[in-house]
Amino acid sequence: MVEKTVLEAVKKVLEESPQRKFSESVDLAINLKNLDMNQPKNRVDEEVILPRGLGKELKIGVFAKGDVGLKAKAAGAAYVISDVELDELAADKNKARTLANEIDLFIAETQFMPIIGKNLGIVLGPRGKMPIPLLPNRDIGELIQSKQSAIRLRSKDKLTFHVPVGRREMNPDYLAENIETVVARLERVLDKGKHNLKSVYVTTTMGKSERVM
């Protein structure tokens, strides 16, 4: 059940923000309090599956070869990167940075992970895009589909951080439901739950912002 106040805030932002000539993201600005963010245990790093998705297709890159690579491509991966292509990226950091900026998230067969960490960690790490390991018993197609609705809550060492919850053209009820899911997860993982949440605002890319809690 979506709280009325959240839905009202979403509708107000959508109604009062000027229309743009591009598809705007709807984001949350999350402000924490009473936490020492120099302590790693207080930092938020959580994956959340949005019940209504993000309203767009994510670009997913998969480090794989053989049958797994073929299945990844069939499941909609934007790029399938073989071991040979991985070596090329390792040798050309500009090419690696371009790919990292284009791709929303990466998945990799486990045998690729040490090589990626050694050669591409410097590029992918700071962007928060180190690959998700594909465990031997996991189907690559199912994993790609589940990640299409996934977001990452990452505060790093800051009390304020942002996270997308959908697109402006989505149904307001769907956006509100996604917001409720994010807030509920934050309340579960923060040391003192909702008492560590100073405020949460919903906003469009270039529009108004409205407090939801």
Protein backbone atom coordinates (compact mmCIF):
# COMPACT_ATOMS: atom_id res chain seq x y z
CA MET A 1 0.00 0.00 0.00
CA VAL A 2 1.56 3.31 -1.09
CA GLU A 3 1.43 6.05 1.56
CA LYS A 4 -0.73 8.95 0.43
CA THR A 5 1.92 11.55 1.31
CA VAL A 6 4.49 9.91 -0.98
CA LEU A 7 2.05 9.68 -3.87
CA GLU A 8 1.00 13.31 -3.36
CA ALA A 9 4.65 14.44 -3.41
CA VAL A 10 5.31 12.51 -6.63
CA LYS A 11 2.24 13.98 -8.33
CA LYS A 12 3.17 17.50 -7.25
CA VAL A 13 6.70 17.20 -8.66
CA LEU A 14 5.43 15.78 -11.95
CA GLU A 15 2.73 18.43 -12.31
CA GLU A 16 4.84 21.45 -11.37
CA SER A 17 8.12 20.60 -13.12
CA PRO A 18 8.39 22.03 -16.68
CA GLN A 19 8.24 19.53 -19.52
CA ARG A 20 11.60 18.85 -21.15
CA LYS A 21 12.52 17.66 -24.63
CA PHE A 22 14.14 14.51 -23.25
CA SER A 23 13.13 11.67 -20.97
CA GLU A 24 13.86 12.78 -17.41
CA SER A 25 14.87 10.54 -14.56
CA VAL A 26 12.98 10.63 -11.28
CA ASP A 27 15.45 10.52 -8.39
CA LEU A 28 15.58 10.50 -4.63
CA ALA A 29 17.89 12.79 -2.69
CA ILE A 30 18.57 10.96 0.57
CA ASN A 31 19.95 12.82 3.59
CA LEU A 32 21.24 10.84 6.56
CA LYS A 33 21.95 12.03 10.11
CA ASN A 34 23.62 10.96 13.35
CA LEU A 35 26.10 8.69 11.57
CA ASP A 36 29.88 8.81 11.42
CA MET A 37 30.45 8.16 7.74
CA ASN A 38 34.18 7.72 8.31
CA GLN A 39 33.20 4.36 9.77
CA PRO A 40 32.67 1.87 6.91
CA LYS A 41 29.98 0.04 8.92
CA ASN A 42 27.74 3.11 8.67
CA ARG A 43 27.95 3.42 4.88
CA VAL A 44 25.04 2.27 2.78
CA ASP A 45 25.79 -0.19 -0.02
CA GLU A 46 22.65 -2.10 -0.92
CA GLU A 47 21.10 -3.48 -4.08
CA VAL A 48 17.34 -2.93 -4.32
CA ILE A 49 14.99 -4.51 -6.85
CA LEU A 50 12.36 -1.92 -7.73
CA PRO A 51 8.91 -3.54 -7.92
CA ARG A 52 7.92 -1.36 -10.90
CA GLY A 53 11.31 -1.22 -12.61
CA LEU A 54 13.18 1.85 -13.79
CA GLY A 55 11.05 2.60 -16.82
CA LYS A 56 13.95 2.04 -19.22
CA GLU A 57 16.23 -0.73 -20.44
CA LEU A 58 19.61 -0.76 -18.73
CA LYS A 59 22.74 -1.33 -20.78
CA ILE A 60 24.36 -4.44 -19.35
CA GLY A 61 27.85 -5.65 -20.26
CA VAL A 62 28.79 -9.30 -19.69
CA PHE A 63 32.31 -10.70 -19.49
CA ALA A 64 31.80 -14.23 -20.79
CA LYS A 65 32.66 -16.66 -23.55
CA GLY A 66 31.18 -19.70 -25.26
CA ASP A 67 27.65 -20.76 -24.41
CA VAL A 68 27.28 -18.25 -21.57
CA GLY A 69 28.22 -15.44 -23.92
CA LEU A 70 25.65 -16.57 -26.49
CA LYS A 71 22.93 -16.79 -23.82
CA ALA A 72 23.85 -13.35 -22.52
CA LYS A 73 23.48 -11.84 -25.97
CA ALA A 74 20.14 -13.59 -26.47
CA ALA A 75 18.96 -12.23 -23.08
CA GLY A 76 19.60 -8.65 -24.18
CA ALA A 77 23.13 -7.86 -23.03
CA ALA A 78 24.36 -4.69 -24.77
CA TYR A 79 27.90 -6.06 -24.94
CA VAL A 80 29.41 -9.51 -24.47
CA ILE A 81 33.13 -9.16 -23.77
CA SER A 82 35.33 -12.19 -24.46
CA ASP A 83 38.72 -12.93 -22.91
CA VAL A 84 40.43 -11.52 -26.01
CA GLU A 85 38.39 -8.29 -25.80
CA LEU A 86 39.15 -8.09 -22.08
CA ASP A 87 42.89 -8.07 -22.88
CA GLU A 88 42.28 -5.27 -25.39
CA LEU A 89 40.44 -3.19 -22.79
CA ALA A 90 43.22 -3.77 -20.28
CA ALA A 91 45.73 -2.41 -22.80
CA ASP A 92 43.61 0.61 -23.76
CA LYS A 93 42.35 2.47 -20.69
CA ASN A 94 40.64 5.15 -22.79
CA LYS A 95 38.56 2.48 -24.50
CA ALA A 96 37.84 0.92 -21.11
CA ARG A 97 36.68 4.27 -19.69
CA THR A 98 34.40 4.89 -22.67
CA LEU A 99 32.77 1.48 -22.20
CA ALA A 100 32.46 1.95 -18.43
CA ASN A 101 30.68 5.28 -18.95
CA GLU A 102 28.25 3.75 -21.46
CA ILE A 103 27.33 0.59 -19.55
CA ASP A 104 25.02 0.78 -16.53
CA LEU A 105 26.30 -2.44 -14.94
CA PHE A 106 28.55 -5.39 -15.64
CA ILE A 107 28.26 -9.11 -14.99
CA ALA A 108 31.21 -11.51 -15.28
CA GLU A 109 31.85 -15.23 -15.21
CA THR A 110 33.80 -15.95 -12.04
CA GLN A 111 37.00 -16.93 -13.88
CA PHE A 112 37.19 -13.40 -15.30
CA MET A 113 36.92 -11.63 -11.94
CA PRO A 114 40.62 -11.70 -10.88
CA ILE A 115 41.73 -10.42 -14.30
CA ILE A 116 39.10 -7.68 -14.29
CA GLY A 117 40.07 -6.62 -10.77
CA LYS A 118 43.76 -6.45 -11.65
CA ASN A 119 43.47 -4.72 -15.03
CA LEU A 120 40.20 -2.77 -14.97
CA GLY A 121 39.61 -2.17 -11.26
CA ILE A 122 41.12 1.30 -11.55
CA VAL A 123 38.49 2.18 -14.18
CA LEU A 124 35.43 0.33 -12.88
CA GLY A 125 35.96 0.67 -9.13
CA PRO A 126 35.59 4.46 -8.77
CA ARG A 127 32.45 4.34 -10.94
CA GLY A 128 30.87 1.69 -8.74
CA LYS A 129 30.76 -0.67 -11.71
CA MET A 130 32.84 -3.67 -10.70
CA PRO A 131 31.07 -6.71 -12.20
CA ILE A 132 28.53 -8.86 -10.42
CA PRO A 133 29.95 -12.42 -10.37
CA LEU A 134 27.94 -15.01 -12.27
CA LEU A 135 27.92 -17.99 -9.94
CA PRO A 136 28.12 -21.45 -11.59
CA ASN A 137 24.54 -22.38 -10.66
CA ARG A 138 23.02 -19.07 -11.87
CA ASP A 139 21.36 -18.65 -15.26
CA ILE A 140 22.77 -15.62 -17.08
CA GLY A 141 19.42 -14.84 -18.72
CA GLU A 142 17.57 -14.74 -15.39
CA LEU A 143 20.31 -12.62 -13.84
CA ILE A 144 20.19 -10.07 -16.67
CA GLN A 145 16.41 -9.79 -16.37
CA SER A 146 16.52 -9.30 -12.60
CA LYS A 147 19.17 -6.59 -12.93
CA GLN A 148 16.95 -4.60 -15.29
CA SER A 149 14.95 -3.56 -12.22
CA ALA A 150 17.89 -3.20 -9.82
CA ILE A 151 19.44 -0.06 -8.38
CA ARG A 152 22.36 0.43 -6.00
CA LEU A 153 22.08 2.53 -2.86
CA ARG A 154 25.65 3.77 -2.26
CA SER A 155 26.32 6.53 0.24
CA LYS A 156 30.11 6.10 0.21
CA ASP A 157 31.36 8.44 2.96
CA LYS A 158 28.66 11.09 2.43
CA LEU A 159 25.53 11.85 4.43
CA THR A 160 23.73 12.87 1.22
CA PHE A 161 23.42 10.72 -1.90
CA HIS A 162 21.08 10.26 -4.87
CA VAL A 163 19.44 7.24 -6.45
CA PRO A 164 17.11 6.83 -9.47
CA VAL A 165 13.63 5.41 -8.92
CA GLY A 166 12.15 5.62 -12.42
CA ARG A 167 11.33 7.90 -15.35
CA ARG A 168 9.04 10.89 -15.52
CA GLU A 169 6.65 9.19 -17.95
CA MET A 170 5.92 6.36 -15.51
CA ASN A 171 2.63 6.06 -13.63
CA PRO A 172 2.85 8.14 -10.40
CA ASP A 173 1.58 5.17 -8.39
CA TYR A 174 4.46 3.06 -9.73
CA LEU A 175 7.01 5.73 -8.84
CA ALA A 176 5.56 6.04 -5.35
CA GLU A 177 5.73 2.27 -4.89
CA ASN A 178 9.40 2.27 -5.92
CA ILE A 179 10.12 5.08 -3.46
CA GLU A 180 8.40 3.21 -0.64
CA THR A 181 10.57 0.16 -1.41
CA VAL A 182 13.79 2.21 -1.25
CA VAL A 183 12.85 3.94 2.00
CA ALA A 184 11.82 0.64 3.60
CA ARG A 185 15.20 -0.89 2.74
CA LEU A 186 17.04 2.11 4.17
CA GLU A 187 15.09 1.87 7.41
CA ARG A 188 16.07 -1.80 7.67
CA VAL A 189 19.80 -1.36 7.06
CA LEU A 190 20.55 1.88 8.92
CA ASP A 191 21.79 1.45 12.48
CA LYS A 192 18.84 3.32 14.03
CA GLY A 193 16.41 2.85 11.18
CA LYS A 194 14.25 5.84 10.30
CA HIS A 195 15.96 7.87 13.05
CA ASN A 196 19.06 8.00 10.82
CA LEU A 197 17.02 9.47 7.96
CA LYS A 198 17.09 13.25 8.10
CA SER A 199 14.99 13.73 4.95
CA VAL A 200 14.15 12.22 1.56
CA TYR A 201 13.22 14.35 -1.46
CA VAL A 202 11.86 13.28 -4.84
CA THR A 203 12.89 15.26 -7.90
CA THR A 204 13.10 15.09 -11.68
CA THR A 205 16.37 15.63 -13.55
CA MET A 206 15.78 19.36 -14.11
CA GLY A 207 12.60 19.99 -12.18
CA LYS A 208 11.21 20.64 -8.72
CA SER A 209 11.92 18.67 -5.61
CA GLU A 210 9.40 17.71 -2.95
CA ARG A 211 9.95 16.16 0.45
CA VAL A 212 8.51 12.67 0.90
CA MET A 213 9.73 12.19 4.48
